[in-house]
N, C-alpha and C. Protein backbone atom coordinates (compact mmCIF):
# COMPACT_ATOMS: atom_id res chain seq x y z
N MET A 1 86.09 138.37 178.98
CA MET A 1 86.87 137.41 179.74
C MET A 1 86.70 136.00 179.17
N ASP A 2 85.48 135.67 178.73
CA ASP A 2 85.24 134.34 178.17
C ASP A 2 86.02 134.11 176.89
N GLU A 3 86.16 135.17 176.08
CA GLU A 3 86.91 135.05 174.83
C GLU A 3 88.39 134.78 175.13
N LYS A 4 88.92 135.46 176.13
CA LYS A 4 90.32 135.26 176.51
C LYS A 4 90.53 133.84 177.05
N LYS A 5 89.58 133.34 177.84
CA LYS A 5 89.67 131.99 178.38
C LYS A 5 89.55 130.96 177.26
N SER A 6 88.65 131.21 176.31
CA SER A 6 88.47 130.31 175.18
C SER A 6 89.73 130.27 174.31
N ASN A 7 90.36 131.43 174.11
CA ASN A 7 91.59 131.50 173.34
C ASN A 7 92.71 130.74 174.05
N ALA A 8 92.79 130.88 175.36
CA ALA A 8 93.82 130.17 176.13
C ALA A 8 93.60 128.67 176.09
N GLU A 9 92.34 128.24 176.16
CA GLU A 9 92.04 126.80 176.09
C GLU A 9 92.37 126.23 174.71
N ALA A 10 92.07 126.98 173.66
CA ALA A 10 92.39 126.53 172.30
C ALA A 10 93.91 126.45 172.11
N TYR A 11 94.62 127.43 172.65
CA TYR A 11 96.09 127.43 172.56
C TYR A 11 96.66 126.21 173.29
N TRP A 12 96.15 125.95 174.49
CA TRP A 12 96.64 124.82 175.27
C TRP A 12 96.31 123.49 174.59
N ALA A 13 95.12 123.39 174.00
CA ALA A 13 94.74 122.17 173.29
C ALA A 13 95.66 121.94 172.09
N ALA A 14 95.97 123.00 171.35
CA ALA A 14 96.88 122.88 170.20
C ALA A 14 98.27 122.48 170.67
N ASN A 15 98.72 123.03 171.79
CA ASN A 15 100.03 122.69 172.35
C ASN A 15 100.06 121.21 172.75
N LEU A 16 99.01 120.74 173.40
CA LEU A 16 98.97 119.33 173.81
C LEU A 16 98.95 118.38 172.62
N ARG A 17 98.23 118.76 171.54
CA ARG A 17 98.23 117.93 170.33
C ARG A 17 99.63 117.85 169.73
N LEU A 18 100.32 118.98 169.72
CA LEU A 18 101.69 119.02 169.19
C LEU A 18 102.62 118.15 170.03
N ILE A 19 102.52 118.26 171.34
CA ILE A 19 103.36 117.45 172.23
C ILE A 19 103.06 115.97 172.04
N ALA A 20 101.78 115.61 171.95
CA ALA A 20 101.40 114.21 171.76
C ALA A 20 101.95 113.67 170.44
N GLY A 21 101.86 114.46 169.38
CA GLY A 21 102.39 114.04 168.09
C GLY A 21 103.89 113.83 168.13
N CYS A 22 104.59 114.74 168.79
CA CYS A 22 106.05 114.60 168.91
C CYS A 22 106.42 113.36 169.72
N LEU A 23 105.68 113.10 170.78
CA LEU A 23 105.96 111.92 171.60
C LEU A 23 105.68 110.63 170.84
N VAL A 24 104.65 110.63 170.01
CA VAL A 24 104.36 109.43 169.20
C VAL A 24 105.50 109.16 168.22
N VAL A 25 105.97 110.20 167.55
CA VAL A 25 107.10 110.03 166.62
C VAL A 25 108.33 109.53 167.37
N TRP A 26 108.62 110.14 168.52
CA TRP A 26 109.78 109.73 169.32
C TRP A 26 109.65 108.26 169.73
N ALA A 27 108.47 107.85 170.19
CA ALA A 27 108.28 106.48 170.64
C ALA A 27 108.40 105.50 169.47
N LEU A 28 107.84 105.84 168.32
CA LEU A 28 107.94 104.95 167.16
C LEU A 28 109.38 104.75 166.73
N VAL A 29 110.16 105.82 166.73
CA VAL A 29 111.56 105.70 166.32
C VAL A 29 112.38 105.01 167.40
N SER A 30 112.22 105.44 168.65
CA SER A 30 113.05 104.90 169.73
C SER A 30 112.73 103.45 170.05
N TYR A 31 111.46 103.16 170.20
CA TYR A 31 111.08 101.80 170.59
C TYR A 31 110.73 100.94 169.39
N GLY A 32 109.99 101.52 168.45
CA GLY A 32 109.57 100.74 167.29
C GLY A 32 110.72 100.30 166.41
N ALA A 33 111.42 101.27 165.84
CA ALA A 33 112.49 100.95 164.89
C ALA A 33 113.72 100.37 165.58
N ALA A 34 114.03 100.86 166.77
CA ALA A 34 115.27 100.43 167.43
C ALA A 34 115.14 99.10 168.16
N ILE A 35 113.97 98.77 168.67
CA ILE A 35 113.83 97.56 169.47
C ILE A 35 112.91 96.54 168.80
N LEU A 36 111.66 96.94 168.55
CA LEU A 36 110.67 96.00 168.06
C LEU A 36 110.90 95.56 166.62
N LEU A 37 111.31 96.49 165.77
CA LEU A 37 111.50 96.18 164.35
C LEU A 37 112.95 95.86 163.99
N ARG A 38 113.82 95.78 164.98
CA ARG A 38 115.24 95.55 164.69
C ARG A 38 115.48 94.28 163.88
N PRO A 39 114.83 93.16 164.20
CA PRO A 39 115.07 91.96 163.37
C PRO A 39 114.69 92.16 161.91
N LEU A 40 113.64 92.92 161.65
CA LEU A 40 113.23 93.16 160.26
C LEU A 40 114.18 94.11 159.54
N LEU A 41 114.79 95.03 160.29
CA LEU A 41 115.68 96.01 159.71
C LEU A 41 117.14 95.56 159.63
N SER A 42 117.43 94.39 160.17
CA SER A 42 118.82 93.94 160.24
C SER A 42 119.42 93.62 158.88
N GLY A 43 118.60 93.35 157.89
CA GLY A 43 119.13 93.03 156.56
C GLY A 43 119.46 94.25 155.73
N ILE A 44 119.09 95.42 156.17
CA ILE A 44 119.34 96.65 155.41
C ILE A 44 120.59 97.33 155.97
N ALA A 45 121.60 97.47 155.13
CA ALA A 45 122.87 98.06 155.57
C ALA A 45 122.88 99.56 155.34
N ILE A 46 123.37 100.29 156.34
CA ILE A 46 123.55 101.74 156.23
C ILE A 46 124.78 102.11 157.05
N GLY A 47 125.69 102.81 156.47
CA GLY A 47 126.89 103.26 157.18
C GLY A 47 127.74 102.13 157.72
N GLY A 48 127.75 100.99 157.08
CA GLY A 48 128.59 99.87 157.52
C GLY A 48 127.96 98.99 158.58
N THR A 49 126.73 99.27 158.98
CA THR A 49 126.04 98.43 159.96
C THR A 49 124.58 98.29 159.55
N ASP A 50 123.84 97.46 160.26
CA ASP A 50 122.45 97.28 159.86
C ASP A 50 121.58 98.43 160.35
N LEU A 51 120.45 98.62 159.69
CA LEU A 51 119.59 99.77 159.94
C LEU A 51 119.00 99.75 161.35
N GLY A 52 118.68 98.58 161.89
CA GLY A 52 118.15 98.50 163.26
C GLY A 52 119.14 99.01 164.29
N PHE A 53 120.39 98.62 164.16
CA PHE A 53 121.44 99.10 165.06
C PHE A 53 121.62 100.60 164.90
N TRP A 54 121.58 101.07 163.65
CA TRP A 54 121.75 102.50 163.39
C TRP A 54 120.65 103.31 164.09
N PHE A 55 119.40 102.84 163.99
CA PHE A 55 118.30 103.54 164.66
C PHE A 55 118.50 103.54 166.17
N ALA A 56 118.94 102.42 166.72
CA ALA A 56 119.13 102.33 168.16
C ALA A 56 120.24 103.26 168.63
N GLN A 57 121.31 103.39 167.86
CA GLN A 57 122.46 104.17 168.30
C GLN A 57 122.44 105.62 167.85
N GLN A 58 122.07 105.87 166.61
CA GLN A 58 122.17 107.22 166.05
C GLN A 58 120.82 107.80 165.67
N GLY A 59 119.99 107.00 165.07
CA GLY A 59 118.73 107.50 164.51
C GLY A 59 117.80 108.08 165.55
N SER A 60 117.69 107.43 166.70
CA SER A 60 116.78 107.95 167.71
C SER A 60 117.29 109.28 168.28
N ILE A 61 118.59 109.42 168.40
CA ILE A 61 119.15 110.68 168.89
C ILE A 61 118.94 111.79 167.86
N LEU A 62 119.22 111.50 166.60
CA LEU A 62 119.03 112.51 165.56
C LEU A 62 117.57 112.86 165.39
N THR A 63 116.69 111.87 165.53
CA THR A 63 115.26 112.13 165.45
C THR A 63 114.82 113.02 166.61
N PHE A 64 115.32 112.76 167.80
CA PHE A 64 114.98 113.57 168.96
C PHE A 64 115.42 115.02 168.77
N ILE A 65 116.61 115.23 168.23
CA ILE A 65 117.08 116.59 167.96
C ILE A 65 116.19 117.26 166.91
N GLY A 66 115.81 116.49 165.88
CA GLY A 66 114.89 117.02 164.87
C GLY A 66 113.54 117.40 165.46
N ILE A 67 113.05 116.59 166.39
CA ILE A 67 111.77 116.88 167.05
C ILE A 67 111.87 118.18 167.85
N ILE A 68 113.00 118.41 168.49
CA ILE A 68 113.18 119.64 169.27
C ILE A 68 113.07 120.86 168.35
N PHE A 69 113.74 120.83 167.21
CA PHE A 69 113.68 121.96 166.28
C PHE A 69 112.28 122.10 165.68
N PHE A 70 111.64 120.98 165.35
CA PHE A 70 110.28 121.02 164.82
C PHE A 70 109.32 121.62 165.85
N TYR A 71 109.45 121.21 167.10
CA TYR A 71 108.58 121.72 168.16
C TYR A 71 108.76 123.24 168.34
N ALA A 72 109.99 123.71 168.34
CA ALA A 72 110.25 125.14 168.49
C ALA A 72 109.65 125.92 167.31
N TRP A 73 109.83 125.42 166.10
CA TRP A 73 109.28 126.08 164.91
C TRP A 73 107.76 126.11 164.96
N LYS A 74 107.16 124.97 165.31
CA LYS A 74 105.71 124.88 165.36
C LYS A 74 105.13 125.74 166.49
N MET A 75 105.80 125.80 167.63
CA MET A 75 105.32 126.64 168.73
C MET A 75 105.39 128.11 168.37
N ASN A 76 106.41 128.52 167.64
CA ASN A 76 106.48 129.91 167.18
C ASN A 76 105.29 130.24 166.28
N ARG A 77 104.91 129.30 165.42
CA ARG A 77 103.74 129.50 164.57
C ARG A 77 102.46 129.56 165.39
N LEU A 78 102.34 128.68 166.40
CA LEU A 78 101.17 128.71 167.28
C LEU A 78 101.10 130.02 168.05
N ASP A 79 102.23 130.49 168.54
CA ASP A 79 102.26 131.76 169.26
C ASP A 79 101.75 132.90 168.38
N LYS A 80 102.20 132.93 167.13
CA LYS A 80 101.73 133.97 166.21
C LYS A 80 100.25 133.82 165.93
N GLN A 81 99.80 132.58 165.75
CA GLN A 81 98.40 132.32 165.45
C GLN A 81 97.48 132.81 166.58
N PHE A 82 97.92 132.65 167.82
CA PHE A 82 97.10 133.04 168.96
C PHE A 82 97.48 134.41 169.53
N GLY A 83 98.35 135.14 168.84
CA GLY A 83 98.73 136.49 169.27
C GLY A 83 99.58 136.53 170.51
N LEU A 84 100.45 135.55 170.68
CA LEU A 84 101.29 135.47 171.87
C LEU A 84 102.78 135.58 171.56
N GLU A 85 103.11 136.04 170.34
CA GLU A 85 104.52 136.14 169.99
C GLU A 85 105.21 137.21 170.81
N GLU A 86 106.51 137.09 170.90
CA GLU A 86 107.28 138.04 171.70
C GLU A 86 107.40 139.38 171.03
């Protein structure tokens, strides 16, 4: 029983680390690049507008979608690692 509990705790800890990492990336892109760093990024043109505006309007959404796919891929690997695959 202790081994099963230890395995479940390790799985949950790995899941929480993954979630925390994804949230950090999301926050850096959404708040960092789109709001805080916008004045620094305004001189770089991409797609006919400045990079700060692009991050605020498109980049954060595309990054969030990328994080969703990354999380699903990584969770499938974690499930296999801990013997919890479907």
